[in-house]
């Protein structure tokens, strides 16, 4: 299912013996755009604590009724490695989470999400072609943070990121919803992360490898209508791009 990222935020995360928190954010891997973690806020139950859960932990979800089910007890969540909002997630912490939750087990959650491989990816700084081992934890990005970034085409600005579209079967970010109101009033479009040239995280800017005229004439996106394969076929054919499902 393709769902707006913002529609998942605030969903109740329900464990074996009760609610363990609410879904606060989705943490994705840059540059693969795979969702690596669900960021769960434990709220008043464990004040100040956040918990990272893998998509493998998701046994079921219903975004219309705003809940996610995970196969963990409240005690297991309470005893899990602590994550705090003012601290980065280190590679060591990721390994500790893997060991604690046993995410390599084939019995856990959704096998379509694939294995979580910690430490195999190297962050490339936006201003450098050379990997910086000191910034490897920076491959984890916040979906909530990217919403509102400006978007620029090859020949000028086109708007800002209004939301992200998430594939909750394969747990990947499939599209950016672009609000073009300051350029094309009333029109929204979507673009694939595969068409992005670069993202400047400090400047909060996204550059896409598409020109403004192509964006202007692209298939319009209606947020009230679910994205179906027919629409996706039309979109990819219009841009002449390889389809991610092919």
Protein backbone atom coordinates (compact mmCIF):
# COMPACT_ATOMS: atom_id res chain seq x y z
CA UNK A 1 0.00 0.00 0.00
CA UNK A 2 1.18 3.52 -0.79
CA UNK A 3 0.45 5.87 2.09
CA UNK A 4 1.42 9.45 2.95
CA UNK A 5 4.08 9.47 5.65
CA UNK A 6 2.19 12.11 7.61
CA UNK A 7 -0.85 9.78 7.74
CA UNK A 8 1.20 7.28 9.74
CA UNK A 9 2.42 9.77 12.34
CA UNK A 10 0.55 9.57 15.63
CA UNK A 11 -0.61 5.98 15.08
CA UNK A 12 -0.83 3.90 18.25
CA UNK A 13 1.85 1.23 18.51
CA UNK A 14 0.26 -1.75 20.23
CA UNK A 15 2.26 -4.58 21.74
CA UNK A 16 1.30 -7.99 23.09
CA UNK A 17 -0.08 -6.60 26.36
CA UNK A 18 -1.06 -3.04 25.49
CA UNK A 19 0.02 0.18 23.87
CA UNK A 20 3.77 0.81 23.95
CA UNK A 21 3.75 4.26 22.36
CA UNK A 22 2.87 6.29 19.28
CA UNK A 23 4.58 6.43 15.92
CA UNK A 24 6.47 9.70 15.87
CA UNK A 25 8.59 9.45 12.73
CA UNK A 26 10.06 7.16 10.09
CA UNK A 27 13.83 6.91 9.85
CA UNK A 28 15.13 6.09 6.39
CA UNK A 29 18.49 5.21 4.92
CA UNK A 30 20.11 7.81 2.73
CA UNK A 31 20.53 7.23 -0.19
CA UNK A 32 18.53 3.99 -0.65
CA UNK A 33 15.28 5.55 0.70
CA UNK A 34 14.49 2.33 2.57
CA UNK A 35 12.67 2.77 5.88
CA UNK A 36 15.04 1.39 8.50
CA UNK A 37 13.20 2.30 11.71
CA UNK A 38 9.86 3.30 13.10
CA UNK A 39 10.52 5.97 15.72
CA UNK A 40 8.17 5.29 18.63
CA UNK A 41 7.52 7.86 21.35
CA UNK A 42 6.70 6.09 24.61
CA UNK A 43 4.98 9.23 25.94
CA UNK A 44 3.84 9.30 29.55
CA UNK A 45 4.49 5.59 29.97
CA UNK A 46 8.28 6.00 29.73
CA UNK A 47 8.79 9.78 29.78
CA UNK A 48 11.63 11.05 27.63
CA UNK A 49 12.19 7.71 25.95
CA UNK A 50 12.05 6.89 22.28
CA UNK A 51 12.25 3.38 20.89
CA UNK A 52 13.43 2.35 17.44
CA UNK A 53 11.59 -0.60 15.94
CA UNK A 54 12.38 -2.27 12.65
CA UNK A 55 9.72 -2.66 9.93
CA UNK A 56 10.30 -6.37 10.56
CA UNK A 57 8.55 -5.83 13.88
CA UNK A 58 5.30 -4.79 12.21
CA UNK A 59 2.90 -7.73 12.46
CA UNK A 60 -0.07 -5.68 11.22
CA UNK A 61 -1.09 -2.08 10.60
CA UNK A 62 -4.24 -0.14 9.83
CA UNK A 63 -3.53 3.47 8.92
CA UNK A 64 -7.22 4.32 8.62
CA UNK A 65 -7.71 3.40 12.26
CA UNK A 66 -4.25 4.66 13.23
CA UNK A 67 -2.63 1.63 14.79
CA UNK A 68 0.41 -0.58 14.33
CA UNK A 69 0.79 -3.99 15.99
CA UNK A 70 4.19 -5.28 17.10
CA UNK A 71 5.08 -8.64 18.74
CA UNK A 72 6.65 -7.17 21.88
CA UNK A 73 5.55 -6.89 25.49
CA UNK A 74 5.63 -3.61 27.37
CA UNK A 75 8.43 -5.05 29.49
CA UNK A 76 10.48 -5.86 26.40
CA UNK A 77 10.06 -2.28 25.17
CA UNK A 78 10.95 -0.89 28.59
CA UNK A 79 14.13 -3.01 28.72
CA UNK A 80 15.18 -2.20 25.15
CA UNK A 81 18.26 -0.04 24.44
CA UNK A 82 17.24 3.57 25.13
CA UNK A 83 17.19 6.16 22.37
CA UNK A 84 16.94 9.86 23.17
CA UNK A 85 15.84 12.59 20.77
CA UNK A 86 18.88 14.78 21.49
CA UNK A 87 21.42 12.04 20.71
CA UNK A 88 22.44 10.54 17.34
CA UNK A 89 22.02 6.85 16.66
CA UNK A 90 25.48 5.30 16.45
CA UNK A 91 26.40 2.15 14.55
CA UNK A 92 27.09 0.49 17.87
CA UNK A 93 23.57 1.33 19.01
CA UNK A 94 22.13 -0.14 15.83
CA UNK A 95 24.02 -3.37 16.43
CA UNK A 96 22.78 -3.46 20.01
CA UNK A 97 19.19 -3.02 18.81
CA UNK A 98 19.63 -5.84 16.30
CA UNK A 99 20.91 -8.17 18.97
CA UNK A 100 18.22 -7.23 21.48
CA UNK A 101 15.25 -7.59 19.13
CA UNK A 102 16.78 -10.47 17.14
CA UNK A 103 15.98 -8.77 13.84
CA UNK A 104 17.96 -11.31 11.84
CA UNK A 105 15.46 -14.02 12.77
CA UNK A 106 13.32 -15.12 9.77
CA UNK A 107 10.37 -15.42 12.17
CA UNK A 108 10.27 -11.69 12.79
CA UNK A 109 7.76 -9.51 10.97
CA UNK A 110 7.73 -8.82 7.26
CA UNK A 111 10.40 -10.67 5.23
CA UNK A 112 9.79 -8.32 2.30
CA UNK A 113 11.47 -5.57 4.28
CA UNK A 114 14.78 -7.39 3.85
CA UNK A 115 17.62 -7.72 6.33
CA UNK A 116 18.88 -4.76 8.28
CA UNK A 117 22.60 -4.54 7.54
CA UNK A 118 24.35 -2.23 9.95
CA UNK A 119 27.60 -0.58 9.04
CA UNK A 120 27.72 -1.53 5.34
CA UNK A 121 26.74 1.91 4.10
CA UNK A 122 29.02 4.94 4.08
CA UNK A 123 27.70 8.47 4.22
CA UNK A 124 28.75 10.76 1.37
CA UNK A 125 28.80 14.39 2.32
CA UNK A 126 26.84 16.65 -0.04
CA UNK A 127 29.97 18.75 -0.61
CA UNK A 128 32.43 15.87 -1.02
CA UNK A 129 32.87 12.74 -3.13
CA UNK A 130 34.87 11.05 -0.38
CA UNK A 131 33.30 8.92 2.34
CA UNK A 132 33.54 10.23 5.86
CA UNK A 133 33.59 7.35 8.36
CA UNK A 134 32.87 9.78 11.20
CA UNK A 135 29.48 10.54 9.64
CA UNK A 136 28.28 6.99 9.02
CA UNK A 137 25.38 7.47 11.44
CA UNK A 138 24.19 10.29 9.17
CA UNK A 139 22.81 7.74 6.69
CA UNK A 140 19.74 7.72 8.94
CA UNK A 141 17.37 10.56 8.08
CA UNK A 142 14.05 11.72 9.44
CA UNK A 143 11.05 11.57 7.10
CA UNK A 144 9.38 14.29 9.12
CA UNK A 145 12.41 16.52 8.67
CA UNK A 146 12.37 16.28 4.86
CA UNK A 147 8.77 17.48 4.70
CA UNK A 148 8.92 21.23 3.92
CA UNK A 149 12.30 21.10 2.13
CA UNK A 150 12.47 23.25 -0.98
CA UNK A 151 12.64 21.50 -4.37
CA UNK A 152 14.54 22.83 -7.37
CA UNK A 153 14.42 21.49 -10.93
CA UNK A 154 17.34 21.70 -13.37
CA UNK A 155 16.31 25.21 -14.37
CA UNK A 156 14.71 26.71 -11.28
CA UNK A 157 12.56 26.26 -8.21
CA UNK A 158 9.32 24.30 -8.37
CA UNK A 159 8.03 24.33 -4.79
CA UNK A 160 8.51 22.43 -1.56
CA UNK A 161 8.06 18.92 -0.21
CA UNK A 162 4.54 18.66 1.18
CA UNK A 163 4.75 15.00 2.15
CA UNK A 164 6.36 11.66 1.32
CA UNK A 165 4.64 8.60 -0.08
CA UNK A 166 5.67 5.37 1.64
CA UNK A 167 5.32 1.83 0.35
CA UNK A 168 4.40 -0.04 3.54
CA UNK A 169 4.85 -3.47 1.97
CA UNK A 170 8.49 -3.03 1.00
CA UNK A 171 9.05 -0.17 3.47
CA UNK A 172 10.52 2.34 1.07
CA UNK A 173 9.89 5.98 0.24
CA UNK A 174 8.46 5.94 -3.29
CA UNK A 175 7.59 9.58 -3.95
CA UNK A 176 7.89 13.18 -2.86
CA UNK A 177 4.65 15.15 -3.00
CA UNK A 178 5.55 18.56 -4.37
CA UNK A 179 3.41 21.59 -3.61
CA UNK A 180 3.94 24.05 -6.48
CA UNK A 181 1.56 26.74 -5.17
CA UNK A 182 4.07 29.60 -5.52
CA UNK A 183 4.74 28.63 -9.13
CA UNK A 184 1.70 26.70 -10.39
CA UNK A 185 -1.16 27.62 -8.04
CA UNK A 186 -3.39 24.70 -7.18
CA UNK A 187 -1.23 21.98 -8.71
CA UNK A 188 0.51 19.18 -6.86
CA UNK A 189 2.84 16.66 -8.48
CA UNK A 190 4.90 13.71 -7.33
CA UNK A 191 8.49 12.83 -8.17
CA UNK A 192 10.48 9.71 -7.39
CA UNK A 193 13.58 9.86 -5.16
CA UNK A 194 15.32 8.03 -8.03
CA UNK A 195 15.10 11.26 -10.03
CA UNK A 196 16.91 13.31 -7.39
CA UNK A 197 20.35 14.65 -8.24
CA UNK A 198 21.24 15.69 -4.73
CA UNK A 199 19.91 16.68 -1.35
CA UNK A 200 21.57 19.44 0.66
CA UNK A 201 20.63 18.60 4.22
CA UNK A 202 22.03 21.76 5.80
CA UNK A 203 20.28 24.00 3.25
CA UNK A 204 17.13 21.82 3.40
CA UNK A 205 16.97 21.69 -0.38
CA UNK A 206 16.27 18.95 -2.92
CA UNK A 207 17.47 19.09 -6.54
CA UNK A 208 15.71 16.89 -9.09
CA UNK A 209 17.01 15.89 -12.53
CA UNK A 210 13.89 17.16 -14.32
CA UNK A 211 13.25 20.52 -15.95
CA UNK A 212 10.45 22.89 -14.98
CA UNK A 213 8.53 22.42 -18.23
CA UNK A 214 8.37 18.67 -17.65
CA UNK A 215 7.09 19.24 -14.11
CA UNK A 216 4.55 21.77 -15.36
CA UNK A 217 3.03 19.29 -17.83
CA UNK A 218 3.37 16.18 -15.67
CA UNK A 219 0.36 14.15 -14.47
CA UNK A 220 -1.31 16.04 -11.65
CA UNK A 221 -1.48 14.43 -8.24
CA UNK A 222 -4.74 14.39 -6.30
CA UNK A 223 -4.10 13.74 -2.57
CA UNK A 224 -7.70 12.58 -2.13
CA UNK A 225 -7.24 9.74 -4.63
CA UNK A 226 -5.11 6.70 -3.74
CA UNK A 227 -2.13 6.12 -6.02
CA UNK A 228 -2.74 3.05 -8.18
CA UNK A 229 -0.53 1.22 -10.66
CA UNK A 230 -2.32 2.79 -13.64
CA UNK A 231 -1.36 6.26 -12.40
CA UNK A 232 2.20 5.12 -11.74
CA UNK A 233 2.47 3.62 -15.24
CA UNK A 234 1.31 6.94 -16.70
CA UNK A 235 3.76 8.90 -14.55
CA UNK A 236 6.80 6.80 -15.41
CA UNK A 237 5.90 6.65 -19.10
CA UNK A 238 5.54 10.43 -19.15
CA UNK A 239 9.04 10.93 -17.73
CA UNK A 240 10.50 8.04 -19.72
CA UNK A 241 11.99 6.50 -16.58
CA UNK A 242 12.54 2.89 -15.58
CA UNK A 243 9.77 1.59 -13.34
CA UNK A 244 10.75 0.46 -9.86
CA UNK A 245 8.46 -2.58 -10.08
CA UNK A 246 9.84 -3.82 -13.42
